Protein backbone atom coordinates (compact mmCIF):
# COMPACT_ATOMS: atom_id res chain seq x y z
CA MET A 1 0.00 0.00 0.00
CA ASN A 2 1.33 3.39 -0.98
CA TYR A 3 0.09 6.25 1.20
CA ARG A 4 1.46 9.49 2.62
CA ILE A 5 0.84 11.22 5.94
CA LEU A 6 0.28 14.93 5.51
CA ARG A 7 0.13 17.78 8.00
CA LEU A 8 -2.72 20.17 7.32
CA VAL A 9 -0.38 23.11 7.98
CA ASP A 10 1.65 21.95 4.97
CA GLN A 11 -1.39 21.28 2.77
CA PRO A 12 -3.96 24.00 3.63
CA GLU A 13 -5.90 23.25 0.43
CA LEU A 14 -7.05 20.00 2.11
CA LYS A 15 -8.95 21.86 4.86
CA GLU A 16 -12.48 21.58 3.40
CA CYS A 17 -12.06 17.97 2.28
CA ALA A 18 -10.46 16.92 5.58
CA ALA A 19 -13.12 18.69 7.66
CA ARG A 20 -15.88 16.92 5.71
CA TRP A 21 -14.09 13.56 6.06
CA PHE A 22 -13.73 13.88 9.87
CA HIS A 23 -17.33 15.15 10.17
CA GLU A 24 -18.62 12.09 8.29
CA LYS A 25 -16.64 9.72 10.53
CA TRP A 26 -17.43 11.24 13.93
CA ASN A 27 -20.68 13.20 13.42
CA ILE A 28 -19.18 16.25 15.13
CA PRO A 29 -20.47 19.44 13.45
CA LEU A 30 -18.57 20.33 10.30
CA SER A 31 -18.23 23.88 11.62
CA ALA A 32 -16.28 22.59 14.67
CA TYR A 33 -13.72 20.89 12.42
CA LEU A 34 -13.46 23.91 10.13
CA GLU A 35 -12.96 26.24 13.10
CA SER A 36 -10.24 24.03 14.60
CA MET A 37 -8.52 23.61 11.24
CA GLU A 38 -8.60 27.35 10.59
CA GLU A 39 -6.97 27.88 13.99
CA CYS A 40 -4.33 25.29 13.04
CA LEU A 41 -3.58 27.07 9.78
CA LYS A 42 -2.93 30.36 11.61
CA LYS A 43 0.25 28.68 12.94
CA GLU A 44 0.05 30.71 16.15
CA ASN A 45 0.09 27.77 18.57
CA ALA A 46 1.25 24.16 18.61
CA VAL A 47 -2.36 23.07 19.22
CA PRO A 48 -4.60 22.39 17.35
CA GLN A 49 -2.99 20.30 14.59
CA TRP A 50 -4.57 17.99 11.99
CA TYR A 51 -3.12 15.11 9.99
CA VAL A 52 -4.41 12.86 7.20
CA ALA A 53 -3.15 9.73 5.51
CA VAL A 54 -3.84 9.84 1.78
CA GLU A 55 -3.65 7.20 -0.90
CA GLY A 56 -3.69 9.01 -4.21
CA GLU A 57 -6.35 11.68 -3.69
CA ARG A 58 -8.35 9.64 -1.14
CA ILE A 59 -8.16 10.29 2.60
CA ILE A 60 -7.81 6.86 4.17
CA GLY A 61 -7.03 7.89 7.75
CA GLY A 62 -6.55 10.83 10.02
CA LEU A 63 -6.34 12.31 13.48
CA GLY A 64 -6.04 15.63 15.22
CA VAL A 65 -4.50 17.19 18.31
CA ILE A 66 -6.78 19.48 20.29
CA ALA A 67 -6.76 20.92 23.79
CA ASN A 68 -9.59 18.72 25.14
CA ASP A 69 -11.44 15.82 23.53
CA PHE A 70 -14.79 16.37 25.28
CA HIS A 71 -13.99 15.11 28.80
CA ASN A 72 -13.92 16.39 32.37
CA ARG A 73 -10.13 16.30 32.91
CA LYS A 74 -9.19 19.68 31.44
CA ASP A 75 -5.73 19.33 33.02
CA LEU A 76 -4.89 16.38 30.73
CA THR A 77 -3.94 18.26 27.60
CA PRO A 78 -3.39 18.23 24.64
CA ASN A 79 -5.43 15.31 23.32
CA VAL A 80 -5.04 13.22 20.21
CA CYS A 81 -8.55 13.01 18.79
CA ALA A 82 -10.65 11.66 15.94
CA VAL A 83 -8.33 8.73 15.16
CA PHE A 84 -9.90 6.89 12.23
CA VAL A 85 -8.80 4.62 9.40
CA GLU A 86 -11.15 3.61 6.61
CA GLU A 87 -12.45 0.08 7.17
CA ASP A 88 -11.01 -1.27 3.92
CA LYS A 89 -7.54 0.02 4.91
CA ARG A 90 -7.41 -1.26 8.48
CA CYS A 91 -4.81 -3.79 9.67
CA ASN A 92 -2.16 -2.22 7.46
CA GLY A 93 -0.35 -0.20 10.14
CA ILE A 94 -1.87 3.14 9.12
CA ALA A 95 -3.16 4.03 12.59
CA GLY A 96 0.22 3.17 14.11
CA ALA A 97 2.03 5.26 11.51
CA LEU A 98 -0.31 8.20 12.15
CA LEU A 99 0.23 7.91 15.92
CA GLN A 100 4.03 7.76 15.53
CA PHE A 101 3.94 10.71 13.14
CA VAL A 102 1.85 12.89 15.43
CA CYS A 103 3.97 12.10 18.49
CA ALA A 104 7.17 13.01 16.63
CA ASP A 105 5.63 16.15 15.13
CA MET A 106 4.32 17.37 18.47
CA LYS A 107 7.71 16.66 20.07
CA GLU A 108 9.27 18.97 17.45
CA ARG A 109 6.69 21.58 18.52
CA GLY A 110 7.81 21.27 22.14
CA ILE A 111 5.05 18.98 23.36
CA ASP A 112 6.35 15.74 24.89
CA THR A 113 3.16 14.46 26.51
CA LEU A 114 -0.07 13.65 24.67
CA TYR A 115 -3.33 12.21 25.98
CA LEU A 116 -5.94 10.16 24.17
CA LEU A 117 -9.52 9.32 25.17
CA THR A 118 -10.85 5.97 23.96
CA ASP A 119 -13.09 3.01 24.69
CA HIS A 120 -10.51 0.61 23.21
CA ASP A 121 -8.64 -1.41 25.80
CA SER A 122 -5.63 -2.87 24.02
CA PHE A 123 -5.14 -1.11 20.68
CA TYR A 124 -3.06 1.91 21.72
CA GLU A 125 -0.65 -0.05 23.93
CA ARG A 126 0.82 -1.54 20.73
CA TYR A 127 2.05 1.95 19.83
CA GLY A 128 3.65 2.96 23.12
CA TRP A 129 0.59 4.49 24.79
CA LYS A 130 -0.05 3.68 28.45
CA PHE A 131 -3.34 3.58 30.34
CA PHE A 132 -3.44 6.62 32.63
CA CYS A 133 -6.88 6.83 34.26
CA MET A 134 -10.62 6.72 33.69
CA VAL A 135 -12.36 9.99 32.79
CA GLN A 136 -15.91 11.13 32.27
CA GLY A 137 -16.72 12.04 28.69
CA ASP A 138 -19.02 15.02 28.18
CA GLY A 139 -22.61 13.74 28.10
CA GLU A 140 -21.48 10.12 28.60
CA SER A 141 -22.89 7.87 31.32
CA ASN A 142 -19.96 5.44 31.23
CA MET A 143 -16.36 6.28 32.01
CA SER A 144 -13.77 6.12 29.22
CA ARG A 145 -10.09 5.22 29.20
CA MET A 146 -7.47 7.97 29.09
CA TYR A 147 -4.08 7.03 27.68
CA VAL A 148 -0.82 8.96 27.80
CA HIS A 149 2.22 8.98 25.54
CA GLN A 150 5.46 10.65 26.61
CA ARG A 151 8.62 11.15 24.60
CA THR A 152 12.04 12.02 25.92
CA ASP A 153 15.26 13.01 24.18
CA GLU A 154 16.93 9.79 25.34
CA SER A 155 14.34 7.42 23.86
CA ASN A 156 10.99 7.40 22.16
CA GLU A 157 9.08 6.37 25.26
CA ILE A 158 9.35 6.31 29.02
CA ASP A 159 7.58 4.24 31.65
CA LEU A 160 5.07 5.96 33.86
């Protein structure tokens, strides 16, 4: 499979297409994605950031980094959000590549620690993420898992 991971800040012409793609996957208002992506393109802050994996002209995966992914632990920031890979492209390492890419890119931006809210219980450990705590998602009755990923200069990961 031949795909590329792109940073929205490097490919601003993808904003509309990427916003629609994320909206269709997560049913978050299109305007919320557009607003966050416009903030990203201003290049004023390290967060928010958006990334897509493309095969030809097709977006096959993506994720973002935002301050808070709709949960009650506002101190656990920034958050990797909206991780998604098209069903027909899963099990090809795309999610892992996206996660590695975002961690390295955020490290270059001075952010060593990232958090991720999920209901998955074994997927992210494969990519160096560690379970941190349970958090309450906005409007959710059940608790969700919060993961953390930390990078140091000495190695890619550290134990918590």
